[in-house]
Amino acid sequence: MIAVLGLVIGVVAGLLVRPEVPAVVEPYLPIAVVAALDAVFGGLRAMLDGIFVDKVFVVSFLSNVVVAALIVFLGDKLGVGAQLSTGVVVVLGIRIFSNAAAIRRHVFRA
């Protein structure tokens, strides 16, 4: 219940304050969101499989975001940022859909 309350407060605060994302960080934000979604779906799958460990989830969440941002940063420095961004999104997208399929099979027993 605390997590839901925190989510609601965060969404309301974001709508009221309308934070500005600095231009320097803009290329990394979508990749960070996709990496975070990968960790969330992986955590949900682990919870349904009965193997969820909160420390593993936190480390996975943070490391996914940091590694994805570093890959995009290095790509920008090498001049191939768009290609590496696409690669990161494809890999994380495959993981997200794989976890979603496992969650669906677990929930619907199909």
N, C-alpha and C. Protein backbone atom coordinates (compact mmCIF):
# COMPACT_ATOMS: atom_id res chain seq x y z
N MET A 1 0.82 -1.20 0.00
CA MET A 1 0.00 0.00 0.00
C MET A 1 0.87 1.26 0.00
N ILE A 2 2.01 1.18 0.69
CA ILE A 2 2.91 2.34 0.73
C ILE A 2 3.45 2.64 -0.66
N ALA A 3 3.75 1.59 -1.42
CA ALA A 3 4.28 1.79 -2.77
C ALA A 3 3.24 2.46 -3.67
N VAL A 4 2.00 2.04 -3.57
CA VAL A 4 0.93 2.65 -4.38
C VAL A 4 0.74 4.12 -3.99
N LEU A 5 0.76 4.39 -2.69
CA LEU A 5 0.63 5.76 -2.21
C LEU A 5 1.79 6.62 -2.72
N GLY A 6 3.01 6.07 -2.67
CA GLY A 6 4.17 6.79 -3.18
C GLY A 6 4.07 7.05 -4.67
N LEU A 7 3.53 6.08 -5.42
CA LEU A 7 3.34 6.25 -6.86
C LEU A 7 2.34 7.36 -7.15
N VAL A 8 1.24 7.36 -6.43
CA VAL A 8 0.22 8.39 -6.63
C VAL A 8 0.78 9.77 -6.29
N ILE A 9 1.48 9.88 -5.18
CA ILE A 9 2.07 11.17 -4.78
C ILE A 9 3.08 11.63 -5.83
N GLY A 10 3.89 10.70 -6.33
CA GLY A 10 4.88 11.04 -7.35
C GLY A 10 4.26 11.52 -8.64
N VAL A 11 3.20 10.86 -9.09
CA VAL A 11 2.52 11.26 -10.32
C VAL A 11 1.88 12.63 -10.15
N VAL A 12 1.19 12.85 -9.04
CA VAL A 12 0.56 14.14 -8.78
C VAL A 12 1.62 15.24 -8.70
N ALA A 13 2.71 15.00 -7.98
CA ALA A 13 3.78 15.99 -7.87
C ALA A 13 4.38 16.29 -9.25
N GLY A 14 4.57 15.28 -10.06
CA GLY A 14 5.11 15.48 -11.40
C GLY A 14 4.18 16.30 -12.28
N LEU A 15 2.88 16.07 -12.14
CA LEU A 15 1.92 16.84 -12.94
C LEU A 15 1.83 18.29 -12.47
N LEU A 16 1.96 18.52 -11.18
CA LEU A 16 1.85 19.88 -10.65
C LEU A 16 3.13 20.68 -10.86
N VAL A 17 4.28 20.05 -10.64
CA VAL A 17 5.55 20.77 -10.70
C VAL A 17 6.06 20.91 -12.13
N ARG A 18 5.76 19.93 -12.97
CA ARG A 18 6.23 19.89 -14.36
C ARG A 18 7.75 20.07 -14.44
N PRO A 19 8.50 19.08 -13.97
CA PRO A 19 9.96 19.20 -13.98
C PRO A 19 10.52 19.23 -15.40
N GLU A 20 11.59 19.99 -15.57
CA GLU A 20 12.26 20.09 -16.87
C GLU A 20 13.43 19.11 -16.88
N VAL A 21 13.55 18.35 -17.95
CA VAL A 21 14.67 17.44 -18.11
C VAL A 21 15.78 18.19 -18.84
N PRO A 22 16.98 18.26 -18.26
CA PRO A 22 18.07 18.96 -18.93
C PRO A 22 18.38 18.33 -20.29
N ALA A 23 18.75 19.15 -21.24
CA ALA A 23 19.02 18.67 -22.61
C ALA A 23 20.15 17.66 -22.64
N VAL A 24 21.07 17.76 -21.71
CA VAL A 24 22.20 16.83 -21.67
C VAL A 24 21.75 15.41 -21.34
N VAL A 25 20.69 15.29 -20.56
CA VAL A 25 20.21 13.99 -20.09
C VAL A 25 19.13 13.40 -21.00
N GLU A 26 18.54 14.21 -21.87
CA GLU A 26 17.41 13.76 -22.69
C GLU A 26 17.67 12.48 -23.49
N PRO A 27 18.84 12.29 -24.10
CA PRO A 27 19.03 11.05 -24.87
C PRO A 27 19.03 9.79 -24.01
N TYR A 28 19.33 9.92 -22.72
CA TYR A 28 19.45 8.76 -21.86
C TYR A 28 18.16 8.40 -21.15
N LEU A 29 17.23 9.32 -21.07
CA LEU A 29 15.99 9.09 -20.32
C LEU A 29 15.16 7.94 -20.88
N PRO A 30 14.89 7.89 -22.19
CA PRO A 30 14.09 6.76 -22.68
C PRO A 30 14.77 5.41 -22.46
N ILE A 31 16.08 5.37 -22.61
CA ILE A 31 16.81 4.13 -22.40
C ILE A 31 16.73 3.73 -20.92
N ALA A 32 16.86 4.69 -20.03
CA ALA A 32 16.77 4.41 -18.60
C ALA A 32 15.38 3.89 -18.23
N VAL A 33 14.35 4.44 -18.85
CA VAL A 33 12.98 3.99 -18.56
C VAL A 33 12.79 2.55 -19.03
N VAL A 34 13.29 2.23 -20.23
CA VAL A 34 13.17 0.87 -20.75
C VAL A 34 13.96 -0.10 -19.88
N ALA A 35 15.15 0.30 -19.44
CA ALA A 35 15.95 -0.55 -18.56
C ALA A 35 15.24 -0.77 -17.22
N ALA A 36 14.62 0.27 -16.70
CA ALA A 36 13.88 0.14 -15.44
C ALA A 36 12.67 -0.78 -15.62
N LEU A 37 11.98 -0.66 -16.75
CA LEU A 37 10.84 -1.56 -17.01
C LEU A 37 11.30 -3.01 -17.09
N ASP A 38 12.46 -3.24 -17.67
CA ASP A 38 13.00 -4.60 -17.73
C ASP A 38 13.20 -5.15 -16.32
N ALA A 39 13.75 -4.35 -15.43
CA ALA A 39 13.96 -4.80 -14.06
C ALA A 39 12.63 -5.04 -13.35
N VAL A 40 11.65 -4.18 -13.58
CA VAL A 40 10.34 -4.33 -12.93
C VAL A 40 9.66 -5.62 -13.40
N PHE A 41 9.66 -5.87 -14.71
CA PHE A 41 9.05 -7.10 -15.22
C PHE A 41 9.81 -8.33 -14.74
N GLY A 42 11.13 -8.24 -14.66
CA GLY A 42 11.92 -9.35 -14.13
C GLY A 42 11.61 -9.60 -12.67
N GLY A 43 11.43 -8.53 -11.89
CA GLY A 43 11.06 -8.67 -10.49
C GLY A 43 9.69 -9.28 -10.31
N LEU A 44 8.75 -8.86 -11.14
CA LEU A 44 7.40 -9.41 -11.07
C LEU A 44 7.40 -10.90 -11.42
N ARG A 45 8.19 -11.25 -12.44
CA ARG A 45 8.29 -12.66 -12.82
C ARG A 45 8.91 -13.47 -11.68
N ALA A 46 9.96 -12.94 -11.06
CA ALA A 46 10.60 -13.64 -9.96
C ALA A 46 9.64 -13.79 -8.78
N MET A 47 8.84 -12.77 -8.53
CA MET A 47 7.86 -12.85 -7.44
C MET A 47 6.85 -13.95 -7.71
N LEU A 48 6.36 -14.03 -8.93
CA LEU A 48 5.38 -15.06 -9.27
C LEU A 48 6.00 -16.45 -9.24
N ASP A 49 7.30 -16.55 -9.56
CA ASP A 49 7.99 -17.84 -9.51
C ASP A 49 8.42 -18.20 -8.09
N GLY A 50 8.25 -17.27 -7.15
CA GLY A 50 8.60 -17.53 -5.76
C GLY A 50 10.08 -17.42 -5.46
N ILE A 51 10.84 -16.72 -6.31
CA ILE A 51 12.28 -16.60 -6.09
C ILE A 51 12.71 -15.13 -5.97
N PHE A 52 11.78 -14.25 -5.64
CA PHE A 52 12.08 -12.82 -5.54
C PHE A 52 12.93 -12.53 -4.31
N VAL A 53 13.99 -11.76 -4.53
CA VAL A 53 14.84 -11.28 -3.44
C VAL A 53 14.98 -9.78 -3.63
N ASP A 54 14.60 -9.01 -2.62
CA ASP A 54 14.57 -7.56 -2.78
C ASP A 54 15.93 -6.96 -3.09
N LYS A 55 16.99 -7.48 -2.50
CA LYS A 55 18.33 -6.95 -2.78
C LYS A 55 18.72 -7.18 -4.23
N VAL A 56 18.38 -8.34 -4.76
CA VAL A 56 18.68 -8.64 -6.15
C VAL A 56 17.89 -7.70 -7.06
N PHE A 57 16.65 -7.43 -6.70
CA PHE A 57 15.83 -6.53 -7.51
C PHE A 57 16.43 -5.13 -7.55
N VAL A 58 16.82 -4.60 -6.40
CA VAL A 58 17.38 -3.25 -6.34
C VAL A 58 18.68 -3.16 -7.14
N VAL A 59 19.55 -4.16 -6.98
CA VAL A 59 20.81 -4.17 -7.73
C VAL A 59 20.53 -4.29 -9.22
N SER A 60 19.60 -5.15 -9.60
CA SER A 60 19.24 -5.32 -11.01
C SER A 60 18.68 -4.02 -11.59
N PHE A 61 17.79 -3.38 -10.85
CA PHE A 61 17.17 -2.14 -11.29
C PHE A 61 18.24 -1.07 -11.55
N LEU A 62 19.08 -0.85 -10.55
CA LEU A 62 20.11 0.19 -10.68
C LEU A 62 21.15 -0.15 -11.73
N SER A 63 21.60 -1.39 -11.76
CA SER A 63 22.63 -1.75 -12.74
C SER A 63 22.09 -1.72 -14.16
N ASN A 64 20.84 -2.12 -14.38
CA ASN A 64 20.25 -2.04 -15.72
C ASN A 64 20.25 -0.60 -16.22
N VAL A 65 19.82 0.32 -15.36
CA VAL A 65 19.75 1.72 -15.76
C VAL A 65 21.14 2.28 -16.02
N VAL A 66 22.07 2.00 -15.13
CA VAL A 66 23.42 2.55 -15.29
C VAL A 66 24.12 1.97 -16.52
N VAL A 67 24.05 0.66 -16.70
CA VAL A 67 24.72 0.04 -17.84
C VAL A 67 24.11 0.51 -19.16
N ALA A 68 22.80 0.59 -19.23
CA ALA A 68 22.15 1.06 -20.46
C ALA A 68 22.55 2.50 -20.76
N ALA A 69 22.58 3.35 -19.74
CA ALA A 69 22.99 4.75 -19.95
C ALA A 69 24.45 4.83 -20.37
N LEU A 70 25.32 4.01 -19.79
CA LEU A 70 26.72 4.01 -20.18
C LEU A 70 26.92 3.56 -21.62
N ILE A 71 26.17 2.56 -22.04
CA ILE A 71 26.27 2.10 -23.43
C ILE A 71 25.88 3.22 -24.39
N VAL A 72 24.79 3.91 -24.09
CA VAL A 72 24.35 5.01 -24.94
C VAL A 72 25.36 6.16 -24.89
N PHE A 73 25.90 6.46 -23.72
CA PHE A 73 26.90 7.50 -23.59
C PHE A 73 28.14 7.18 -24.44
N LEU A 74 28.62 5.96 -24.33
CA LEU A 74 29.78 5.56 -25.15
C LEU A 74 29.46 5.63 -26.63
N GLY A 75 28.25 5.23 -26.99
CA GLY A 75 27.83 5.33 -28.39
C GLY A 75 27.82 6.76 -28.88
N ASP A 76 27.36 7.67 -28.04
CA ASP A 76 27.38 9.09 -28.41
C ASP A 76 28.80 9.59 -28.61
N LYS A 77 29.70 9.19 -27.72
CA LYS A 77 31.10 9.61 -27.83
C LYS A 77 31.77 9.02 -29.06
N LEU A 78 31.37 7.82 -29.47
CA LEU A 78 31.95 7.18 -30.65
C LEU A 78 31.24 7.58 -31.94
N GLY A 79 30.14 8.30 -31.82
CA GLY A 79 29.40 8.74 -33.00
C GLY A 79 28.39 7.73 -33.51
N VAL A 80 28.10 6.72 -32.72
CA VAL A 80 27.12 5.71 -33.13
C VAL A 80 26.03 5.57 -32.07
N GLY A 81 25.66 6.69 -31.46
CA GLY A 81 24.69 6.68 -30.38
C GLY A 81 23.33 6.13 -30.77
N ALA A 82 22.86 6.50 -31.96
CA ALA A 82 21.54 6.04 -32.40
C ALA A 82 21.52 4.52 -32.58
N GLN A 83 22.60 3.98 -33.15
CA GLN A 83 22.65 2.54 -33.37
C GLN A 83 22.72 1.78 -32.05
N LEU A 84 23.53 2.26 -31.12
CA LEU A 84 23.62 1.58 -29.83
C LEU A 84 22.33 1.75 -29.03
N SER A 85 21.69 2.90 -29.15
CA SER A 85 20.40 3.09 -28.47
C SER A 85 19.39 2.09 -28.99
N THR A 86 19.37 1.92 -30.30
CA THR A 86 18.45 0.95 -30.90
C THR A 86 18.77 -0.46 -30.41
N GLY A 87 20.05 -0.79 -30.35
CA GLY A 87 20.45 -2.11 -29.86
C GLY A 87 20.03 -2.35 -28.43
N VAL A 88 20.20 -1.35 -27.58
CA VAL A 88 19.81 -1.48 -26.17
C VAL A 88 18.30 -1.67 -26.07
N VAL A 89 17.54 -0.90 -26.82
CA VAL A 89 16.08 -1.01 -26.77
C VAL A 89 15.63 -2.38 -27.27
N VAL A 90 16.27 -2.88 -28.32
CA VAL A 90 15.89 -4.20 -28.85
C VAL A 90 16.18 -5.30 -27.83
N VAL A 91 17.37 -5.28 -27.25
CA VAL A 91 17.73 -6.32 -26.27
C VAL A 91 16.82 -6.25 -25.05
N LEU A 92 16.63 -5.05 -24.52
CA LEU A 92 15.76 -4.93 -23.34
C LEU A 92 14.31 -5.23 -23.69
N GLY A 93 13.89 -4.87 -24.90
CA GLY A 93 12.53 -5.18 -25.35
C GLY A 93 12.30 -6.68 -25.42
N ILE A 94 13.29 -7.41 -25.91
CA ILE A 94 13.17 -8.87 -25.95
C ILE A 94 13.04 -9.43 -24.54
N ARG A 95 13.85 -8.90 -23.62
CA ARG A 95 13.76 -9.37 -22.23
C ARG A 95 12.41 -9.03 -21.61
N ILE A 96 11.91 -7.83 -21.88
CA ILE A 96 10.61 -7.42 -21.34
C ILE A 96 9.51 -8.34 -21.85
N PHE A 97 9.49 -8.60 -23.16
CA PHE A 97 8.45 -9.46 -23.71
C PHE A 97 8.60 -10.91 -23.24
N SER A 98 9.82 -11.36 -23.04
CA SER A 98 10.04 -12.70 -22.50
C SER A 98 9.48 -12.80 -21.08
N ASN A 99 9.77 -11.80 -20.27
CA ASN A 99 9.23 -11.79 -18.90
C ASN A 99 7.71 -11.66 -18.92
N ALA A 100 7.18 -10.82 -19.81
CA ALA A 100 5.72 -10.66 -19.90
C ALA A 100 5.06 -11.97 -20.30
N ALA A 101 5.69 -12.72 -21.20
CA ALA A 101 5.13 -14.01 -21.61
C ALA A 101 5.14 -14.99 -20.43
N ALA A 102 6.23 -14.99 -19.67
CA ALA A 102 6.30 -15.87 -18.50
C ALA A 102 5.25 -15.48 -17.46
N ILE A 103 5.06 -14.19 -17.27
CA ILE A 103 4.04 -13.71 -16.33
C ILE A 103 2.66 -14.14 -16.80
N ARG A 104 2.39 -13.97 -18.09
CA ARG A 104 1.10 -14.37 -18.65
C ARG A 104 0.87 -15.87 -18.46
N ARG A 105 1.89 -16.68 -18.73
CA ARG A 105 1.74 -18.13 -18.55
C ARG A 105 1.47 -18.47 -17.09
N HIS A 106 2.12 -17.77 -16.20
CA HIS A 106 1.94 -18.04 -14.77
C HIS A 106 0.54 -17.62 -14.31
N VAL A 107 0.10 -16.45 -14.73
CA VAL A 107 -1.19 -15.92 -14.28
C VAL A 107 -2.34 -16.71 -14.87
N PHE A 108 -2.27 -17.01 -16.18
CA PHE A 108 -3.39 -17.68 -16.86
C PHE A 108 -3.21 -19.19 -16.99
N ARG A 109 -2.09 -19.70 -16.45
CA ARG A 109 -1.81 -21.14 -16.52
C ARG A 109 -1.86 -21.64 -17.95
N ALA A 110 -1.37 -20.81 -18.86
CA ALA A 110 -1.41 -21.19 -20.30
C ALA A 110 -0.02 -21.21 -20.87
